[in-house]
Amino acid sequence: MKDINIFCFGFGQVAKSFIKKLNLEKFNINLSVTSRGKTQQQKINKINYKSFQFVNDSFDQKLIEKLKQSDHILISIPPIDGFDLVVKNFSKIIEESSPKWITYLSATSVYGDHKGEWVNEESETKPTSANGIDRLAAEKSWMLFAANSMLPFQIFRLSGIYSDQRNILARLKSGNTNIINKKNHFFSRIHVEDVANVLFKSLSNFKSSEIYNISDDKPSSSKEVTLYGAKLLNVDIPKSIEIKDIESEMLKNFYKESKKVSNKKMKSFFDY
C-alpha cells in the first residue's frame, strides 16, 4: 500500500473524485482540504480528514502545519479579481516544504473565442469572460512561481465538467433546460471520473511546467447534446430560445465563445 499526503485547496467534485480514485487504488491517504465552512473533521469513503476554513485572505492558521507535511498539492479554488489566493497566501510555505507534485486546475475558458475552430495547448489565449481572464492571470502567477521555485508543477485546463449526477439527462428530467439557437457554437466536455483518472496517471508520469487540455473526443453544440439526451430518455424536445432571450448573464457569456478543444497531448502523454 502506497502512502500519500495530499492537501486539496478546494474540495469540489473533481478533488473528491480524485480521492475516491486513490482509495480504489489502495493508497493510504493522509488528506487535508480547505473549504469556506468552519474548520471541522470530515469523512469520505471511510477516510477521515480535516477541512480547514479558507475564505478570501482569511484562513485557519492550523492548516499551515498540514500543508508543510503534504507531498502532493491540488489547487481547484477559483481566482478572485485576477489573483490566485493560494499563490498569494501560501507560495513561501509551499516552496519551503518542497512537495513532489503540484497541480493547478484551470479551465479552457482561457482560450476565449476561436470561432468554432480547434485549439490546443499552443493556441492563443484571448479570454473575454471574467472567468477566463482571471484563470489566465492565475495560470501565469503559478507558472512564475514554478519557474522561480523549480518545484514540479502542471496545469490541467478542464473543459465543461459533467458527472453521473450532473448532466444533460438530469436537466432534461427536471425540465430545467432549453435549446439555444446559435449556429457554429461548439463546446467540449469531460466526465469528472476521467479528470480523476488522468490526475492519477500524472502521479507516476509527470513533466514539470506543462499544460494539458483535459477534454473528451467529441466537441459538440449544446443543441446536439440536448437532442441526443432527449432521444435517450424518450422525452419531449425542450423549447428553443434565441441568445437575446437568455436571462442568465453567465450563460450569455458562455455562448459568446466557441471552440473545439483538442485532447491529443493528454491522450498521448498519459496514454489515456
Protein backbone atom coordinates (compact mmCIF):
# COMPACT_ATOMS: atom_id res chain seq x y z
CA MET A 1 0.00 0.00 0.00
CA LYS A 2 1.41 3.39 -1.04
CA ASP A 3 1.26 6.39 1.26
CA ILE A 4 0.22 9.82 0.03
CA ASN A 5 -0.02 13.07 1.98
CA ILE A 6 -2.25 15.32 -0.07
CA PHE A 7 -3.55 18.83 0.51
CA CYS A 8 -6.52 19.98 -1.57
CA PHE A 9 -7.20 23.70 -1.85
CA GLY A 10 -10.90 23.39 -2.56
CA PHE A 11 -12.77 20.11 -2.29
CA GLY A 12 -15.35 20.02 -5.04
CA GLN A 13 -16.41 17.21 -7.33
CA VAL A 14 -13.02 16.82 -9.08
CA ALA A 15 -10.98 16.68 -5.87
CA LYS A 16 -13.44 14.25 -4.29
CA SER A 17 -13.41 12.03 -7.36
CA PHE A 18 -9.60 12.02 -7.29
CA ILE A 19 -9.56 10.93 -3.64
CA LYS A 20 -12.04 8.16 -4.45
CA LYS A 21 -9.72 7.02 -7.24
CA LEU A 22 -6.74 6.95 -4.86
CA ASN A 23 -8.82 4.94 -2.43
CA LEU A 24 -9.77 2.43 -5.15
CA GLU A 25 -6.08 2.08 -6.00
CA LYS A 26 -5.38 1.11 -2.36
CA PHE A 27 -3.46 4.23 -1.36
CA ASN A 28 -3.05 5.04 2.31
CA ILE A 29 -4.36 8.61 2.20
CA ASN A 30 -3.48 11.39 4.63
CA LEU A 31 -5.86 14.12 3.49
CA SER A 32 -6.37 17.77 4.37
CA VAL A 33 -8.59 20.21 2.47
CA THR A 34 -9.90 23.76 2.56
CA SER A 35 -13.48 24.96 2.33
CA ARG A 36 -15.42 28.13 3.04
CA GLY A 37 -17.14 26.48 6.00
CA LYS A 38 -15.89 26.25 9.56
CA THR A 39 -12.89 24.03 10.29
CA GLN A 40 -14.07 20.53 11.15
CA GLN A 41 -13.35 16.83 10.91
CA GLN A 42 -14.97 15.11 7.94
CA LYS A 43 -15.11 11.70 6.29
CA ILE A 44 -15.13 10.49 2.67
CA ASN A 45 -15.06 6.82 1.69
CA LYS A 46 -14.19 5.93 5.29
CA ILE A 47 -11.22 8.33 5.13
CA ASN A 48 -11.06 10.80 8.00
CA TYR A 49 -9.77 14.22 7.03
CA LYS A 50 -9.60 17.79 8.30
CA SER A 51 -11.36 20.56 6.42
CA PHE A 52 -9.83 23.97 7.20
CA GLN A 53 -11.67 27.23 6.71
CA PHE A 54 -10.22 29.41 3.94
CA VAL A 55 -12.21 32.45 2.77
CA ASN A 56 -10.55 35.14 0.64
CA ASP A 57 -7.34 36.01 2.54
CA SER A 58 -8.60 34.68 5.87
CA PHE A 59 -7.73 31.12 6.86
CA ASP A 60 -7.31 28.82 9.84
CA GLN A 61 -3.64 29.12 10.79
CA LYS A 62 -3.57 25.46 11.79
CA LEU A 63 -3.67 24.45 8.12
CA ILE A 64 -0.08 25.66 7.68
CA GLU A 65 1.37 22.71 9.55
CA LYS A 66 -0.66 20.24 7.49
CA LEU A 67 0.40 22.00 4.29
CA LYS A 68 4.06 21.71 5.29
CA GLN A 69 3.62 17.95 5.74
CA SER A 70 1.99 17.42 2.34
CA ASP A 71 3.91 15.98 -0.60
CA HIS A 72 1.05 16.43 -3.10
CA ILE A 73 -0.97 19.63 -3.58
CA LEU A 74 -4.10 20.02 -5.72
CA ILE A 75 -5.48 23.51 -6.32
CA SER A 76 -9.04 23.86 -7.59
CA ILE A 77 -10.35 27.04 -5.96
CA PRO A 78 -11.11 29.79 -8.48
CA PRO A 79 -9.14 33.04 -8.56
CA ILE A 80 -10.71 36.26 -7.32
CA ASP A 81 -10.28 39.51 -9.26
CA GLY A 82 -7.29 38.14 -11.13
CA PHE A 83 -5.48 36.84 -8.05
CA ASP A 84 -4.91 33.24 -7.10
CA LEU A 85 -5.39 33.10 -3.34
CA VAL A 86 -3.10 30.09 -2.88
CA VAL A 87 -0.11 31.71 -4.60
CA LYS A 88 -0.84 34.94 -2.76
CA ASN A 89 -1.05 33.43 0.72
CA PHE A 90 0.99 30.22 0.65
CA SER A 91 3.72 30.40 -2.02
CA LYS A 92 6.55 30.73 0.51
CA ILE A 93 5.25 27.86 2.64
CA ILE A 94 4.83 25.62 -0.40
CA GLU A 95 8.32 26.45 -1.64
CA GLU A 96 9.86 25.66 1.75
CA SER A 97 8.01 22.34 2.06
CA SER A 98 9.13 21.16 -1.42
CA PRO A 99 6.18 18.94 -2.45
CA LYS A 100 6.83 16.49 -5.27
CA TRP A 101 3.57 17.12 -7.15
CA ILE A 102 1.58 20.35 -7.59
CA THR A 103 -1.39 20.53 -9.93
CA TYR A 104 -3.48 23.59 -10.72
CA LEU A 105 -6.93 23.03 -12.21
CA SER A 106 -7.66 25.78 -14.70
CA ALA A 107 -10.29 25.96 -17.45
CA THR A 108 -10.45 26.04 -21.24
CA SER A 109 -12.17 29.43 -20.92
CA VAL A 110 -8.62 30.88 -21.08
CA TYR A 111 -8.71 30.34 -24.87
CA GLY A 112 -11.63 32.68 -25.44
CA ASP A 113 -13.46 32.65 -28.76
CA HIS A 114 -11.90 30.79 -31.71
CA LYS A 115 -14.97 30.85 -33.96
CA GLY A 116 -15.58 27.12 -33.63
CA GLU A 117 -12.04 26.15 -34.66
CA TRP A 118 -9.76 23.66 -32.88
CA VAL A 119 -7.49 24.85 -30.07
CA ASN A 120 -4.56 23.08 -28.44
CA GLU A 121 -2.12 24.00 -25.68
CA GLU A 122 -0.14 26.20 -28.09
CA SER A 123 -3.16 28.20 -29.26
CA GLU A 124 -3.54 31.87 -28.49
CA THR A 125 -5.18 32.61 -25.15
CA LYS A 126 -7.59 35.51 -25.59
CA PRO A 127 -10.29 35.15 -22.95
CA THR A 128 -13.25 37.50 -23.00
CA SER A 129 -15.18 36.26 -19.95
CA ALA A 130 -14.27 37.40 -16.44
CA ASN A 131 -13.72 33.76 -15.50
CA GLY A 132 -11.34 33.18 -18.39
CA ILE A 133 -9.40 36.38 -17.75
CA ASP A 134 -8.98 35.53 -14.06
CA ARG A 135 -7.98 31.93 -14.83
CA LEU A 136 -5.29 33.05 -17.26
CA ALA A 137 -3.89 35.51 -14.71
CA ALA A 138 -3.81 32.71 -12.12
CA GLU A 139 -2.04 30.39 -14.55
CA LYS A 140 0.65 33.00 -15.17
CA SER A 141 1.22 33.52 -11.44
CA TRP A 142 1.59 29.76 -10.93
CA MET A 143 3.96 29.37 -13.87
CA LEU A 144 6.11 32.18 -12.49
CA PHE A 145 6.12 30.51 -9.08
CA ALA A 146 7.11 27.18 -10.64
CA ALA A 147 9.92 28.79 -12.62
CA ASN A 148 11.32 30.55 -9.56
CA SER A 149 10.91 27.64 -7.12
CA MET A 150 11.85 24.84 -9.56
CA LEU A 151 9.10 22.72 -7.99
CA PRO A 152 7.22 20.07 -10.03
CA PHE A 153 4.08 21.76 -11.29
CA GLN A 154 1.46 21.22 -14.00
CA ILE A 155 -1.72 22.88 -15.23
CA PHE A 156 -4.84 20.99 -16.28
CA ARG A 157 -7.21 23.09 -18.41
CA LEU A 158 -10.58 21.46 -17.86
CA SER A 159 -13.46 21.53 -20.31
CA GLY A 160 -17.05 21.62 -19.04
CA ILE A 161 -17.33 19.00 -16.30
CA TYR A 162 -20.24 16.61 -16.06
CA SER A 163 -20.89 13.59 -13.84
CA ASP A 164 -23.39 10.79 -13.34
CA GLN A 165 -25.42 13.18 -11.18
CA ARG A 166 -24.91 16.49 -13.02
CA ASN A 167 -25.52 16.19 -16.76
CA ILE A 168 -27.95 16.92 -19.58
CA LEU A 169 -30.10 13.91 -18.65
CA ALA A 170 -30.64 15.27 -15.15
CA ARG A 171 -31.55 18.70 -16.54
CA LEU A 172 -33.99 17.17 -19.01
CA LYS A 173 -35.65 15.16 -16.25
CA SER A 174 -36.04 18.30 -14.15
CA GLY A 175 -37.42 20.28 -17.08
CA ASN A 176 -34.76 22.91 -16.45
CA THR A 177 -33.20 23.25 -19.89
CA ASN A 178 -33.75 24.83 -23.29
CA ILE A 179 -32.18 24.57 -26.71
CA ILE A 180 -30.20 27.71 -27.52
CA ASN A 181 -30.26 28.67 -31.18
CA LYS A 182 -26.76 29.61 -32.27
CA LYS A 183 -25.01 28.34 -35.37
CA ASN A 184 -21.41 27.12 -35.25
CA HIS A 185 -21.27 27.04 -31.47
CA PHE A 186 -19.15 24.21 -30.13
CA PHE A 187 -18.01 23.33 -26.64
CA SER A 188 -16.12 20.43 -25.12
CA ARG A 189 -16.86 18.35 -22.05
CA ILE A 190 -15.14 15.92 -19.71
CA HIS A 191 -16.55 13.44 -17.19
CA VAL A 192 -15.35 14.06 -13.65
CA GLU A 193 -14.06 10.48 -13.36
CA ASP A 194 -11.90 10.99 -16.45
CA VAL A 195 -10.31 14.02 -14.79
CA ALA A 196 -9.63 11.89 -11.70
CA ASN A 197 -8.12 9.12 -13.82
CA VAL A 198 -5.74 11.50 -15.60
CA LEU A 199 -4.77 13.10 -12.29
CA PHE A 200 -3.95 9.62 -11.03
CA LYS A 201 -1.86 8.82 -14.09
CA SER A 202 0.09 12.04 -13.58
CA LEU A 203 1.32 10.81 -10.20
CA SER A 204 3.68 8.43 -11.99
CA ASN A 205 4.01 10.22 -15.32
CA PHE A 206 4.92 13.84 -14.66
CA LYS A 207 6.69 16.54 -16.65
CA SER A 208 7.06 19.84 -14.85
CA SER A 209 5.67 23.16 -16.09
CA GLU A 210 3.44 21.50 -18.69
CA ILE A 211 -0.12 22.42 -19.61
CA TYR A 212 -2.71 19.84 -20.68
CA ASN A 213 -6.21 20.20 -22.07
CA ILE A 214 -8.45 17.72 -20.27
CA SER A 215 -11.32 17.07 -22.62
CA ASP A 216 -13.24 14.29 -24.33
CA ASP A 217 -13.09 13.40 -28.04
CA LYS A 218 -16.33 14.95 -29.24
CA PRO A 219 -16.82 18.72 -29.18
CA SER A 220 -20.50 19.34 -29.89
CA SER A 221 -23.13 22.01 -29.96
CA SER A 222 -25.41 22.38 -26.97
CA LYS A 223 -28.33 21.61 -29.28
CA GLU A 224 -26.77 18.32 -30.41
CA VAL A 225 -26.17 17.19 -26.82
CA THR A 226 -29.69 18.16 -25.74
CA LEU A 227 -31.38 16.39 -28.67
CA TYR A 228 -29.34 13.25 -28.03
CA GLY A 229 -30.28 13.29 -24.35
CA ALA A 230 -33.97 13.74 -25.16
CA LYS A 231 -33.81 10.79 -27.54
CA LEU A 232 -32.19 8.58 -24.89
CA LEU A 233 -34.87 9.46 -22.35
CA ASN A 234 -37.69 9.44 -24.90
CA VAL A 235 -38.93 12.81 -23.66
CA ASP A 236 -40.20 15.90 -25.46
CA ILE A 237 -37.59 18.13 -27.04
CA PRO A 238 -37.17 21.32 -24.97
CA LYS A 239 -38.26 24.59 -26.50
CA SER A 240 -35.76 26.64 -28.48
CA ILE A 241 -34.84 30.17 -27.48
CA GLU A 242 -32.66 32.87 -29.01
CA ILE A 243 -29.47 34.23 -27.47
CA LYS A 244 -31.12 37.59 -26.81
CA ASP A 245 -33.78 35.89 -24.69
CA ILE A 246 -31.33 34.25 -22.27
CA GLU A 247 -31.75 35.78 -18.82
CA SER A 248 -28.53 34.48 -17.23
CA GLU A 249 -25.51 36.69 -17.95
CA MET A 250 -23.20 33.74 -17.25
CA LEU A 251 -24.99 31.65 -19.87
CA LYS A 252 -24.92 34.53 -22.35
CA ASN A 253 -21.15 34.81 -21.89
CA PHE A 254 -20.81 31.06 -22.45
CA TYR A 255 -22.41 31.39 -25.88
CA LYS A 256 -20.11 34.26 -26.87
CA GLU A 257 -17.21 31.82 -27.17
CA SER A 258 -16.95 28.80 -29.47
CA LYS A 259 -14.07 26.35 -29.85
CA LYS A 260 -13.22 22.69 -30.19
CA VAL A 261 -10.67 21.64 -27.57
CA SER A 262 -8.01 19.17 -28.66
CA ASN A 263 -7.06 16.44 -26.19
CA LYS A 264 -4.25 14.93 -28.28
CA LYS A 265 -1.50 15.95 -25.86
CA MET A 266 -3.36 14.49 -22.88
CA LYS A 267 -4.06 11.20 -24.65
CA SER A 268 -0.51 10.85 -25.91
CA PHE A 269 1.38 11.79 -22.75
CA PHE A 270 -0.84 9.97 -20.26
CA ASP A 271 -1.72 7.09 -22.61
CA TYR A 272 -5.40 7.65 -21.87
